[in-house]
Amino acid sequence: MTGIRSSESCEVRIGHSLSESERQHLARRRETVLQCLKQLGISCSEDEVPNIAVLGSGGGLRAMVGLLGSLSQLEEEGLLDCIMYLSGVSGSTWCMASLYKEADWSTKLVTVKDNIVRRLADGSVSWIEMHTKLAKYFSEKDNFSLTDVWAALTVSNMVKEIDEHKLTEQRGNYTNDPYPIYTVIDKWCKCDRVNADPWFEITPDESGYSLSGAFVDSSCWGSLFENGKKIKDQPEIDMLYLQGLCGSAIADMEAILKEISKKLQCLKGINGQKGLQVLLTLVKLNISVLREEDAKDHLKSLEDLLKDKCEEIERMNLCLEKLLTPEGMISKTELKKHTMHVCSSLTGNDQPPGAHNSLPKDLCIFAKSILNVLGWIWGTTYNYLYRMKVEGVDPSVLDSKTRDHEDAGLLLNSPYFSVLRKERDIDLIISLDFSAGNPFETVVHASKKCKELQIPFPEVVAPAEDTEPQDFYVFRGYSKAPTVIHIPLFNAVNCKGEIEKWEKSYQTVQMSYSHEMITDLLGKAGLNIKNNKEKLLKEIENVIKKKKISKLGKI
């Protein structure tokens, strides 16, 4: 894919203003929105054009297909060109990645949609392709993490492709489309509960902390920085990795270990068979313990395999008896330590520099993958704010050489805070909720968090949990707060008393859908737009009216 690349800057940008590239895109997009509104019979001047954002929640393949169905119906109803921003988390970003690799996708959405559906239903990625991709991540990057494993071995299998395009290749290729914002979170800002900004946005132009106002050119994100200067290049992230980074909330330790076990089985016949057997046995042992099954046979097999490694056993201070609790069960904590000791020994992680690595490269990749699984290390990347002095950014962020990023759905399963940046001046949010569980959890949580952070947001009163959700809710904005339209995927209108049946058929952890399932889900998501076209138009007119009044100084 070719595109017009804006001049690249490797300097960190501190400030809350929008990037120049985003401002230019919005200026062009505003003309498109204005023409679209006129075709819909809505009159407004250029400075009254509303900034409308569509938000796609997480939800695995359900979110990917649901967002595709919603956008397709918006296009069919003549509403898609009203949208200024498209932002997603988790599974919704998988849909966005598939759309934005096609230049000006909204002008040929029927064809693009058909191609995506065909790929999801009939496509496949071979073991060789997965392994080659994993090996490439392993060899090219300083910071190899579980995100690389998840992307190469699992996400590629779910979205049925290995997309090696770079995010910055989209620059200049979406002139006629909404501005895309992919959203993740900074894991340590979330976990440490420090007074820090966890919301991290990724666009083709720049990436950074949405509320803190600290950004870097997206082509440089992941490279090594110190005091705001790039000192070592790293490969720019590709779209498969981005999908793995954004969509990791559904990851399950046992499932990943099982995937590693299957891939290790494919390596039989290579050099280093003893090392292969050790890794396979370690994985089987860990899976059995996670399932709370009797794993003593695996433990005995591991002991036999390690008998001829006396020096290493002594050096690692391995004592398999330590793994057993007084009740004769295997301690998960001790097993984790033991597994990490063995993998570190085999890969040379705990050896002096220059020491011989006892594993072939193929096995070393999987040994380090197991280490990352047990450490649950996701999205490690160099920190472009390292050793900078930035007002408003927590010192714990500035002092760390690397940061870990993960699926935003682990904190809030919809990308509200990427579009709630004051400078984006959003008037209307169309929240498409594909989540499992309570369909109002995200919007309620967003409302509470905005109140804490003093960010304008409408009051949200969710219906009682024992009532079936409807297909259209409006939480009207006051003063500077945007209006929020909230649309649950499965509801009383499009499911007609069968919400539970549909939710069970499309669980967010499913790894694949048939062609028929995809078609049916596209239809359900599309109905939520089709049935509410007039209501959507009314709310668009309302926010334009609000802008007119505001311009006259009456608010």
Protein backbone atom coordinates (compact mmCIF):
# COMPACT_ATOMS: atom_id res chain seq x y z
CA MET A 1 0.00 0.00 0.00
CA THR A 2 1.31 3.40 -0.89
CA GLY A 3 0.35 6.68 0.68
CA ILE A 4 1.44 10.26 1.02
CA ARG A 5 3.70 10.43 4.07
CA SER A 6 3.87 13.72 5.91
CA SER A 7 7.29 14.94 6.97
CA GLU A 8 8.47 12.67 9.77
CA SER A 9 9.62 14.02 13.10
CA CYS A 10 11.23 11.83 15.72
CA GLU A 11 10.90 14.48 18.40
CA VAL A 12 8.44 14.06 21.22
CA ARG A 13 5.60 16.58 21.13
CA ILE A 14 4.35 17.93 24.43
CA GLY A 15 1.07 19.80 24.23
CA HIS A 16 -2.67 19.32 24.11
CA SER A 17 -3.23 20.67 20.62
CA LEU A 18 -4.14 18.34 17.77
CA SER A 19 -1.39 17.33 15.38
CA GLU A 20 -1.15 19.33 12.18
CA SER A 21 -2.05 16.23 10.13
CA GLU A 22 -5.22 15.64 12.15
CA ARG A 23 -6.25 19.31 11.83
CA GLN A 24 -5.79 19.16 8.07
CA HIS A 25 -7.84 15.98 7.83
CA LEU A 26 -10.65 17.46 9.92
CA ALA A 27 -10.78 20.55 7.73
CA ARG A 28 -11.27 18.37 4.65
CA ARG A 29 -13.67 16.05 6.44
CA ARG A 30 -15.80 18.99 7.60
CA GLU A 31 -16.61 19.76 3.96
CA THR A 32 -17.72 16.14 3.46
CA VAL A 33 -19.91 16.23 6.58
CA LEU A 34 -21.47 19.54 5.48
CA GLN A 35 -22.41 18.11 2.08
CA CYS A 36 -23.78 14.94 3.68
CA LEU A 37 -25.99 16.95 6.05
CA LYS A 38 -27.36 18.98 3.14
CA GLN A 39 -28.27 15.77 1.30
CA LEU A 40 -30.10 14.63 4.44
CA GLY A 41 -32.06 17.90 4.50
CA ILE A 42 -30.21 19.34 7.51
CA SER A 43 -29.12 22.94 7.16
CA CYS A 44 -26.09 24.37 8.94
CA SER A 45 -23.13 26.62 8.25
CA GLU A 46 -19.55 25.36 8.12
CA ASP A 47 -18.79 26.52 11.67
CA GLU A 48 -21.91 24.72 12.91
CA VAL A 49 -20.88 21.34 11.51
CA PRO A 50 -21.03 18.89 14.43
CA ASN A 51 -18.09 16.73 15.44
CA ILE A 52 -19.59 13.25 15.62
CA ALA A 53 -17.61 10.25 16.87
CA VAL A 54 -18.53 6.59 16.50
CA LEU A 55 -17.12 4.41 19.28
CA GLY A 56 -16.75 0.64 18.92
CA SER A 57 -16.46 -1.31 22.16
CA GLY A 58 -14.49 -4.47 22.76
CA GLY A 59 -15.92 -7.94 22.34
CA GLY A 60 -13.60 -10.06 20.19
CA LEU A 61 -14.96 -11.19 16.83
CA ARG A 62 -18.44 -10.16 17.95
CA ALA A 63 -17.23 -6.56 18.11
CA MET A 64 -15.32 -6.84 14.84
CA VAL A 65 -18.34 -8.09 12.90
CA GLY A 66 -20.80 -5.91 14.83
CA LEU A 67 -18.90 -2.72 14.03
CA LEU A 68 -18.66 -3.73 10.38
CA GLY A 69 -22.42 -4.28 10.25
CA SER A 70 -23.12 -0.95 11.96
CA LEU A 71 -20.84 1.05 9.66
CA SER A 72 -22.24 -0.68 6.58
CA GLN A 73 -25.76 0.27 7.60
CA LEU A 74 -24.71 3.86 8.37
CA GLU A 75 -23.38 4.02 4.81
CA GLU A 76 -26.57 2.51 3.39
CA GLU A 77 -28.68 5.06 5.26
CA GLY A 78 -26.51 7.92 3.98
CA LEU A 79 -25.17 8.71 7.47
CA LEU A 80 -21.56 7.50 7.35
CA ASP A 81 -20.24 10.74 5.85
CA CYS A 82 -21.58 12.59 8.91
CA ILE A 83 -18.97 10.89 11.08
CA MET A 84 -15.79 12.82 11.94
CA TYR A 85 -14.02 10.22 14.11
CA LEU A 86 -14.01 6.43 14.36
CA SER A 87 -12.43 5.05 17.52
CA GLY A 88 -12.26 1.54 18.92
CA VAL A 89 -10.87 -0.75 21.56
CA SER A 90 -10.15 -4.47 21.45
CA GLY A 91 -12.21 -6.37 18.83
CA SER A 92 -13.50 -3.17 17.22
CA THR A 93 -9.93 -2.27 16.28
CA TRP A 94 -9.74 -5.51 14.29
CA CYS A 95 -12.55 -4.18 12.12
CA MET A 96 -10.83 -0.79 11.84
CA ALA A 97 -7.54 -2.42 10.81
CA SER A 98 -9.32 -4.32 8.03
CA LEU A 99 -11.09 -1.19 6.81
CA TYR A 100 -8.24 1.30 6.86
CA LYS A 101 -5.82 -0.87 4.94
CA GLU A 102 -8.10 -0.06 1.99
CA ALA A 103 -7.62 3.52 0.81
CA ASP A 104 -10.86 5.54 1.13
CA TRP A 105 -12.72 2.43 2.28
CA SER A 106 -16.00 4.26 2.91
CA THR A 107 -16.38 4.96 -0.82
CA LYS A 108 -16.41 1.21 -1.64
CA LEU A 109 -17.71 -0.30 1.58
CA VAL A 110 -19.87 -3.00 -0.02
CA THR A 111 -16.84 -4.54 -1.72
CA VAL A 112 -14.60 -4.09 1.32
CA LYS A 113 -17.21 -5.67 3.59
CA ASP A 114 -17.66 -8.68 1.29
CA ASN A 115 -13.90 -9.24 1.21
CA ILE A 116 -13.66 -9.12 5.01
CA VAL A 117 -16.58 -11.54 5.42
CA ARG A 118 -15.09 -13.96 2.90
CA ARG A 119 -11.73 -13.85 4.68
CA LEU A 120 -13.23 -14.43 8.14
CA ALA A 121 -15.40 -17.30 6.94
CA ASP A 122 -13.05 -19.08 4.55
CA GLY A 123 -9.54 -17.76 5.14
CA SER A 124 -6.73 -19.46 7.03
CA VAL A 125 -3.18 -18.86 8.21
CA SER A 126 -0.76 -21.79 8.15
CA TRP A 127 1.46 -22.90 11.02
CA ILE A 128 4.53 -22.02 8.94
CA GLU A 129 3.25 -18.47 8.42
CA MET A 130 2.53 -18.07 12.15
CA HIS A 131 5.92 -19.42 13.17
CA THR A 132 7.74 -17.29 10.61
CA LYS A 133 5.97 -14.19 11.91
CA LEU A 134 6.73 -15.05 15.54
CA ALA A 135 10.39 -15.63 14.68
CA LYS A 136 10.50 -12.26 12.91
CA TYR A 137 9.13 -10.46 15.97
CA PHE A 138 11.62 -12.34 18.16
CA SER A 139 14.67 -11.52 16.06
CA GLU A 140 13.90 -7.90 15.17
CA LYS A 141 12.74 -6.42 18.47
CA ASP A 142 14.49 -5.56 21.71
CA ASN A 143 11.24 -5.95 23.65
CA PHE A 144 9.70 -9.33 22.82
CA SER A 145 6.53 -9.82 24.88
CA LEU A 146 3.41 -11.93 25.13
CA THR A 147 1.71 -9.50 22.73
CA ASP A 148 3.99 -10.80 19.96
CA VAL A 149 3.04 -14.39 20.81
CA TRP A 150 -0.67 -13.57 21.05
CA ALA A 151 -0.64 -11.64 17.77
CA ALA A 152 1.32 -14.22 15.76
CA LEU A 153 -0.30 -17.40 17.07
CA THR A 154 -3.85 -16.42 18.04
CA VAL A 155 -5.03 -13.10 16.58
CA SER A 156 -3.75 -14.06 13.12
CA ASN A 157 -5.85 -17.22 13.37
CA MET A 158 -8.94 -15.27 14.45
CA VAL A 159 -8.79 -12.52 11.82
CA LYS A 160 -7.47 -15.00 9.24
CA GLU A 161 -4.51 -12.95 8.03
CA ILE A 162 -1.07 -11.67 8.92
CA ASP A 163 -1.24 -7.96 8.13
CA GLU A 164 2.31 -6.61 7.93
CA HIS A 165 1.32 -3.14 6.74
CA LYS A 166 2.54 -0.33 8.97
CA LEU A 167 0.07 2.03 10.61
CA THR A 168 1.78 5.07 9.11
CA GLU A 169 1.17 3.69 5.61
CA GLN A 170 -2.43 4.81 6.14
CA ARG A 171 -1.36 8.46 6.09
CA GLY A 172 -3.05 10.16 3.18
CA ASN A 173 -5.07 7.02 2.36
CA TYR A 174 -8.26 7.87 4.27
CA THR A 175 -9.05 11.30 2.83
CA ASN A 176 -12.74 10.37 2.51
CA ASP A 177 -13.01 8.45 5.78
CA PRO A 178 -13.48 9.33 9.47
CA TYR A 179 -10.25 9.96 11.39
CA PRO A 180 -9.16 6.66 13.03
CA ILE A 181 -8.12 6.35 16.69
CA TYR A 182 -7.02 3.01 18.15
CA THR A 183 -7.03 2.92 21.95
CA VAL A 184 -5.04 0.95 24.54
CA ILE A 185 -4.00 1.63 28.13
CA ASP A 186 -0.72 1.94 30.00
CA LYS A 187 -0.80 -1.13 32.25
CA TRP A 188 1.25 0.37 35.07
CA CYS A 189 -0.74 3.60 35.20
CA LYS A 190 -3.80 1.40 35.66
CA CYS A 191 -2.28 -1.08 38.13
CA ASP A 192 -0.32 1.35 40.30
CA ARG A 193 -3.37 3.61 40.66
CA VAL A 194 -1.01 6.58 40.58
CA ASN A 195 -2.20 10.00 39.55
CA ALA A 196 -1.30 9.18 35.97
CA ASP A 197 -3.06 9.07 32.62
CA PRO A 198 -3.62 5.43 31.52
CA TRP A 199 -5.39 6.29 28.24
CA PHE A 200 -3.09 5.81 25.27
CA GLU A 201 -4.24 6.59 21.73
CA ILE A 202 -2.65 5.41 18.50
CA THR A 203 -3.31 7.10 15.16
CA PRO A 204 -1.49 6.97 11.81
CA ASP A 205 0.07 10.35 12.66
CA GLU A 206 1.06 10.20 16.31
CA SER A 207 0.60 8.14 19.45
CA GLY A 208 0.49 9.11 23.08
CA TYR A 209 -1.31 9.83 26.33
CA SER A 210 -4.70 11.30 25.48
CA LEU A 211 -5.26 13.41 28.58
CA SER A 212 -1.65 14.27 29.49
CA GLY A 213 -0.83 15.70 26.08
CA ALA A 214 2.45 13.84 25.43
CA PHE A 215 2.86 12.37 21.95
CA VAL A 216 5.37 10.90 19.54
CA ASP A 217 5.33 10.34 15.78
CA SER A 218 3.74 6.91 15.29
CA SER A 219 6.60 5.77 13.07
CA CYS A 220 8.93 6.24 16.05
CA TRP A 221 6.75 4.74 18.77
CA GLY A 222 8.68 1.77 20.14
CA SER A 223 12.13 3.18 19.39
CA LEU A 224 14.51 3.96 22.25
CA PHE A 225 14.32 7.55 23.48
CA GLU A 226 16.14 9.43 26.18
CA ASN A 227 15.33 12.99 27.21
CA GLY A 228 13.09 13.41 24.17
CA LYS A 229 15.68 12.30 21.59
CA LYS A 230 15.61 9.05 19.65
CA ILE A 231 18.84 7.15 20.23
CA LYS A 232 18.04 3.72 18.78
CA ASP A 233 15.63 2.68 16.03
CA GLN A 234 13.19 -0.17 16.46
CA PRO A 235 10.95 -1.59 13.71
CA GLU A 236 7.69 0.29 13.38
CA ILE A 237 4.80 -1.82 14.69
CA ASP A 238 2.74 -3.56 12.04
CA MET A 239 -1.04 -3.93 11.96
CA LEU A 240 -1.03 -7.53 13.21
CA TYR A 241 0.89 -6.49 16.32
CA LEU A 242 -1.44 -3.50 16.80
CA GLN A 243 -4.44 -5.83 16.68
CA GLY A 244 -2.77 -8.12 19.21
CA LEU A 245 -2.00 -5.16 21.46
CA CYS A 246 -5.52 -3.71 21.26
CA GLY A 247 -7.33 -7.04 21.47
CA SER A 248 -5.78 -9.00 24.31
CA ALA A 249 -8.50 -8.81 26.99
CA ILE A 250 -9.94 -12.17 25.91
CA ALA A 251 -6.52 -13.81 26.28
CA ASP A 252 -6.46 -16.80 28.60
CA MET A 253 -3.26 -18.28 30.05
CA GLU A 254 -4.34 -21.89 29.55
CA ALA A 255 -5.42 -21.23 25.96
CA ILE A 256 -2.09 -19.60 25.09
CA LEU A 257 -0.13 -22.45 26.69
CA LYS A 258 -2.20 -24.96 24.70
CA GLU A 259 -1.42 -23.02 21.52
CA ILE A 260 2.30 -23.07 22.37
CA SER A 261 2.06 -26.83 23.04
CA LYS A 262 0.49 -27.43 19.61
CA LYS A 263 3.17 -25.38 17.90
CA LEU A 264 5.95 -27.17 19.80
CA GLN A 265 4.55 -30.49 18.56
CA CYS A 266 5.13 -29.23 15.03
CA LEU A 267 8.86 -28.85 15.76
CA LYS A 268 9.51 -32.56 16.27
CA GLY A 269 12.45 -33.62 14.14
CA ILE A 270 14.56 -30.50 14.64
CA ASN A 271 17.81 -30.43 16.59
CA GLY A 272 17.55 -30.12 20.36
CA GLN A 273 14.98 -32.86 20.96
CA LYS A 274 15.76 -33.02 24.70
CA GLY A 275 15.09 -29.31 25.04
CA LEU A 276 11.87 -29.73 23.07
CA GLN A 277 10.70 -32.51 25.40
CA VAL A 278 11.52 -30.38 28.45
CA LEU A 279 9.46 -27.47 27.11
CA LEU A 280 6.54 -29.71 26.11
CA THR A 281 6.51 -31.34 29.54
CA LEU A 282 6.70 -27.97 31.29
CA VAL A 283 3.72 -26.71 29.29
CA LYS A 284 1.67 -29.86 29.95
CA LEU A 285 2.54 -29.65 33.65
CA ASN A 286 1.39 -26.03 33.86
CA ILE A 287 -1.84 -26.72 31.97
CA SER A 288 -2.68 -29.64 34.27
CA VAL A 289 -2.10 -27.51 37.36
CA LEU A 290 -4.24 -24.68 35.95
CA ARG A 291 -7.02 -27.23 35.42
CA GLU A 292 -6.45 -28.58 38.95
CA GLU A 293 -5.79 -32.05 37.53
CA ASP A 294 -3.35 -34.63 38.90
CA ALA A 295 -0.05 -33.57 37.32
CA LYS A 296 2.38 -35.85 39.16
CA ASP A 297 3.08 -37.94 36.04
CA HIS A 298 4.19 -34.80 34.20
CA LEU A 299 6.28 -33.85 37.22
CA LYS A 300 7.99 -37.28 37.18
CA SER A 301 8.63 -36.98 33.43
CA LEU A 302 10.24 -33.60 33.94
CA GLU A 303 12.45 -34.98 36.70
CA ASP A 304 13.62 -37.79 34.40
CA LEU A 305 14.34 -35.35 31.57
CA LEU A 306 16.45 -33.14 33.83
CA LYS A 307 18.48 -35.95 35.43
CA ASP A 308 21.36 -35.61 33.01
CA LYS A 309 21.52 -31.87 33.62
CA CYS A 310 23.00 -32.20 37.11
CA GLU A 311 25.20 -29.12 36.91
CA GLU A 312 22.36 -26.96 35.64
CA ILE A 313 19.98 -28.37 38.26
CA GLU A 314 22.48 -27.59 40.98
CA ARG A 315 23.14 -24.12 39.58
CA MET A 316 19.41 -23.35 39.32
CA ASN A 317 18.82 -24.80 42.78
CA LEU A 318 15.94 -26.83 41.38
CA CYS A 319 14.24 -29.16 43.80
CA LEU A 320 11.11 -30.70 42.39
CA GLU A 321 9.95 -31.76 45.84
CA LYS A 322 9.54 -28.06 46.66
CA LEU A 323 6.69 -27.92 44.17
CA LEU A 324 4.51 -30.10 46.38
CA THR A 325 2.39 -28.65 49.17
CA PRO A 326 2.03 -30.55 52.49
CA GLU A 327 -1.22 -31.94 51.07
CA GLY A 328 0.67 -33.42 48.12
CA MET A 329 -0.68 -30.88 45.60
CA ILE A 330 1.52 -28.91 43.23
CA SER A 331 1.91 -25.27 44.30
CA LYS A 332 1.07 -22.87 41.46
CA THR A 333 3.46 -20.29 42.87
CA GLU A 334 6.37 -22.71 43.15
CA LEU A 335 5.61 -24.22 39.73
CA LYS A 336 5.73 -20.77 38.16
CA LYS A 337 9.14 -20.11 39.75
CA HIS A 338 10.38 -23.54 38.70
CA THR A 339 9.19 -23.16 35.10
CA MET A 340 10.75 -19.72 34.80
CA HIS A 341 14.05 -21.05 36.22
CA VAL A 342 14.16 -23.85 33.66
CA CYS A 343 13.24 -21.60 30.71
CA SER A 344 15.72 -18.94 31.80
CA SER A 345 18.45 -21.57 32.03
CA LEU A 346 17.65 -23.02 28.61
CA THR A 347 17.57 -19.60 26.93
CA GLY A 348 20.65 -18.31 28.73
CA ASN A 349 18.76 -15.49 30.47
CA ASP A 350 20.41 -16.28 33.81
CA GLN A 351 23.89 -16.90 32.38
CA PRO A 352 26.79 -14.44 32.16
CA PRO A 353 27.11 -12.43 28.92
CA GLY A 354 28.67 -14.49 26.15
CA ALA A 355 27.67 -17.83 27.69
CA HIS A 356 26.48 -20.55 25.32
CA ASN A 357 22.73 -20.80 24.72
CA SER A 358 21.76 -24.48 24.92
CA LEU A 359 18.64 -24.22 22.73
CA PRO A 360 18.24 -23.88 18.95
CA LYS A 361 16.64 -20.56 17.96
CA ASP A 362 13.20 -22.09 17.24
CA LEU A 363 13.01 -23.55 20.74
CA CYS A 364 14.46 -20.42 22.30
CA ILE A 365 11.55 -18.43 20.86
CA PHE A 366 9.04 -20.70 22.60
CA ALA A 367 11.00 -20.84 25.86
CA LYS A 368 10.91 -17.05 26.01
CA SER A 369 7.25 -17.15 25.03
CA ILE A 370 6.56 -19.40 28.03
CA LEU A 371 8.45 -16.95 30.25
CA ASN A 372 6.26 -14.13 28.97
CA VAL A 373 3.08 -16.16 29.52
CA LEU A 374 3.93 -16.96 33.13
CA GLY A 375 5.05 -13.39 33.78
CA TRP A 376 1.94 -12.17 31.90
CA ILE A 377 4.13 -9.54 30.21
CA TRP A 378 2.15 -7.66 27.56
CA GLY A 379 2.96 -4.83 25.18
CA THR A 380 6.44 -3.91 26.40
CA THR A 381 7.88 -1.00 24.45
CA TYR A 382 10.52 1.65 24.97
CA ASN A 383 9.17 4.74 26.70
CA TYR A 384 9.57 7.87 24.57
CA LEU A 385 9.17 10.01 27.73
CA TYR A 386 12.13 8.37 29.49
CA ARG A 387 14.16 10.88 31.51
CA MET A 388 12.16 13.86 30.30
CA LYS A 389 10.77 16.57 32.54
CA VAL A 390 7.14 17.06 31.62
CA GLU A 391 4.70 18.99 33.75
CA GLY A 392 1.50 17.04 34.34
CA VAL A 393 3.05 13.61 33.69
CA ASP A 394 3.58 11.41 36.73
CA PRO A 395 7.29 10.94 37.63
CA SER A 396 6.84 7.15 37.66
CA VAL A 397 6.16 7.34 33.92
CA LEU A 398 9.13 9.59 33.20
CA ASP A 399 11.56 7.42 35.19
CA SER A 400 10.88 4.12 33.41
CA LYS A 401 12.83 3.05 30.33
CA THR A 402 9.98 0.84 29.10
CA ARG A 403 6.21 0.83 29.47
CA ASP A 404 3.71 -2.02 29.14
CA HIS A 405 0.50 -1.44 27.17
CA GLU A 406 -2.58 -3.64 27.00
CA ASP A 407 -6.21 -3.92 25.89
CA ALA A 408 -8.16 -0.84 27.04
CA GLY A 409 -11.14 -3.10 27.73
CA LEU A 410 -9.40 -4.20 30.93
CA LEU A 411 -10.11 -0.71 32.31
CA LEU A 412 -13.00 0.63 30.20
CA ASN A 413 -14.39 -1.34 27.28
CA SER A 414 -15.05 1.66 25.03
CA PRO A 415 -12.69 4.42 23.85
CA TYR A 416 -14.46 7.40 25.43
CA PHE A 417 -11.34 9.15 26.65
CA SER A 418 -9.63 9.24 23.27
CA VAL A 419 -12.48 11.36 21.87
CA LEU A 420 -13.09 13.35 25.06
CA ARG A 421 -9.88 15.32 24.64
CA LYS A 422 -11.04 18.92 24.98
CA GLU A 423 -9.39 19.97 21.72
CA ARG A 424 -11.40 17.39 19.73
CA ASP A 425 -14.56 19.26 20.73
CA ILE A 426 -16.94 16.32 20.23
CA ASP A 427 -20.64 17.21 20.04
CA LEU A 428 -22.19 13.77 19.62
CA ILE A 429 -20.95 10.29 20.51
CA ILE A 430 -22.55 7.20 18.98
CA SER A 431 -21.57 4.41 21.36
CA LEU A 432 -21.90 0.93 19.86
CA ASP A 433 -21.73 -1.63 22.65
CA PHE A 434 -20.74 -5.19 21.75
CA SER A 435 -19.59 -6.15 25.26
CA ALA A 436 -20.43 -9.29 27.16
CA GLY A 437 -22.40 -8.77 30.36
CA ASN A 438 -24.14 -5.54 31.35
CA PRO A 439 -24.49 -3.42 28.16
CA PHE A 440 -24.47 -0.19 30.22
CA GLU A 441 -21.34 -0.86 32.24
CA THR A 442 -19.07 1.11 29.90
CA VAL A 443 -21.17 4.25 29.63
CA VAL A 444 -21.92 4.30 33.38
CA HIS A 445 -18.22 3.85 34.19
CA ALA A 446 -17.27 6.57 31.71
CA SER A 447 -19.74 8.97 33.33
CA LYS A 448 -18.36 8.32 36.82
CA LYS A 449 -14.76 8.67 35.68
CA CYS A 450 -15.49 11.91 33.84
CA LYS A 451 -17.03 13.31 37.01
CA GLU A 452 -13.83 12.47 38.92
CA LEU A 453 -11.66 14.06 36.24
CA GLN A 454 -14.00 17.04 35.74
CA ILE A 455 -14.48 16.22 32.07
CA PRO A 456 -17.89 17.33 30.71
CA PHE A 457 -20.12 14.29 30.21
CA PRO A 458 -23.89 13.80 30.41
CA GLU A 459 -25.61 12.28 33.41
CA VAL A 460 -26.19 8.57 32.80
CA VAL A 461 -29.09 6.74 34.39
CA ALA A 462 -29.06 3.11 33.26
CA PRO A 463 -32.26 1.05 33.20
CA ALA A 464 -32.79 -1.64 35.82
CA GLU A 465 -30.64 -4.71 35.24
CA ASP A 466 -33.64 -7.04 35.22
CA THR A 467 -35.15 -5.30 32.17
CA GLU A 468 -34.29 -6.10 28.58
CA PRO A 469 -32.27 -3.32 26.95
CA GLN A 470 -33.84 -1.32 24.14
CA ASP A 471 -31.98 -0.47 20.93
CA PHE A 472 -31.49 3.28 21.41
CA TYR A 473 -30.68 5.43 24.44
CA VAL A 474 -29.91 9.14 24.54
CA PHE A 475 -27.95 10.77 27.35
CA ARG A 476 -28.23 14.40 26.42
CA GLY A 477 -25.30 16.71 26.96
CA TYR A 478 -25.45 19.93 28.93
CA SER A 479 -23.38 23.04 28.30
CA LYS A 480 -20.03 21.72 27.01
CA ALA A 481 -20.84 18.03 27.49
CA PRO A 482 -21.44 15.94 24.36
CA THR A 483 -24.66 14.05 23.82
CA VAL A 484 -24.17 10.27 23.99
CA ILE A 485 -26.28 7.82 21.98
CA HIS A 486 -25.84 4.32 23.37
CA ILE A 487 -26.80 1.27 21.30
CA PRO A 488 -26.54 -2.24 22.82
CA LEU A 489 -25.89 -4.89 20.15
CA PHE A 490 -28.48 -7.41 21.31
CA ASN A 491 -31.72 -5.84 22.53
CA ALA A 492 -35.46 -6.29 22.89
CA VAL A 493 -36.12 -4.84 19.44
CA ASN A 494 -33.77 -6.83 17.20
CA CYS A 495 -33.82 -10.04 19.24
CA LYS A 496 -37.54 -10.11 20.11
CA GLY A 497 -37.26 -11.92 23.44
CA GLU A 498 -34.23 -14.02 22.45
CA ILE A 499 -31.37 -11.87 23.75
CA GLU A 500 -29.90 -14.70 25.82
CA LYS A 501 -29.94 -17.04 22.84
CA TRP A 502 -28.04 -14.56 20.67
CA GLU A 503 -25.52 -13.79 23.39
CA LYS A 504 -24.78 -17.50 23.84
CA SER A 505 -24.41 -17.97 20.08
CA TYR A 506 -21.91 -15.10 19.82
CA GLN A 507 -19.74 -15.26 22.91
CA THR A 508 -16.88 -12.77 22.93
CA VAL A 509 -14.26 -15.50 23.45
CA GLN A 510 -15.16 -17.47 20.30
CA MET A 511 -12.28 -17.96 17.89
CA SER A 512 -14.25 -18.14 14.63
CA TYR A 513 -17.69 -17.74 13.05
CA SER A 514 -19.21 -19.51 10.06
CA HIS A 515 -20.31 -17.53 7.01
CA GLU A 516 -23.93 -17.86 8.09
CA MET A 517 -23.15 -16.63 11.61
CA ILE A 518 -21.27 -13.62 10.25
CA THR A 519 -24.13 -12.72 7.91
CA ASP A 520 -26.70 -12.99 10.71
CA LEU A 521 -24.62 -10.84 13.07
CA LEU A 522 -24.07 -8.18 10.41
CA GLY A 523 -27.84 -8.07 10.03
CA LYS A 524 -28.52 -7.71 13.75
CA ALA A 525 -26.02 -4.86 14.09
CA GLY A 526 -27.39 -3.20 10.97
CA LEU A 527 -30.96 -3.28 12.30
CA ASN A 528 -29.91 -1.09 15.22
CA ILE A 529 -29.00 1.64 12.74
CA LYS A 530 -31.80 1.06 10.24
CA ASN A 531 -34.53 1.08 12.90
CA ASN A 532 -33.24 4.31 14.41
CA LYS A 533 -32.29 6.44 11.41
CA GLU A 534 -34.87 9.12 12.22
CA LYS A 535 -33.80 9.24 15.87
CA LEU A 536 -30.16 9.62 14.82
CA LEU A 537 -31.08 12.48 12.49
CA LYS A 538 -33.05 14.16 15.27
CA GLU A 539 -30.08 14.05 17.65
CA ILE A 540 -27.78 15.41 14.94
CA GLU A 541 -30.21 18.29 14.44
CA ASN A 542 -30.32 18.84 18.22
CA VAL A 543 -26.54 19.19 18.56
CA ILE A 544 -26.46 21.57 15.57
CA LYS A 545 -29.17 23.64 17.23
CA LYS A 546 -27.10 23.64 20.42
CA LYS A 547 -24.07 24.91 18.46
CA LYS A 548 -26.17 27.66 16.89
CA ILE A 549 -27.39 28.82 20.30
CA SER A 550 -23.88 28.61 21.73
CA LYS A 551 -22.60 30.77 18.88
CA LEU A 552 -25.15 33.40 19.79
CA GLY A 553 -23.80 33.42 23.33
CA LYS A 554 -26.96 32.05 24.95
CA ILE A 555 -25.15 29.23 26.78
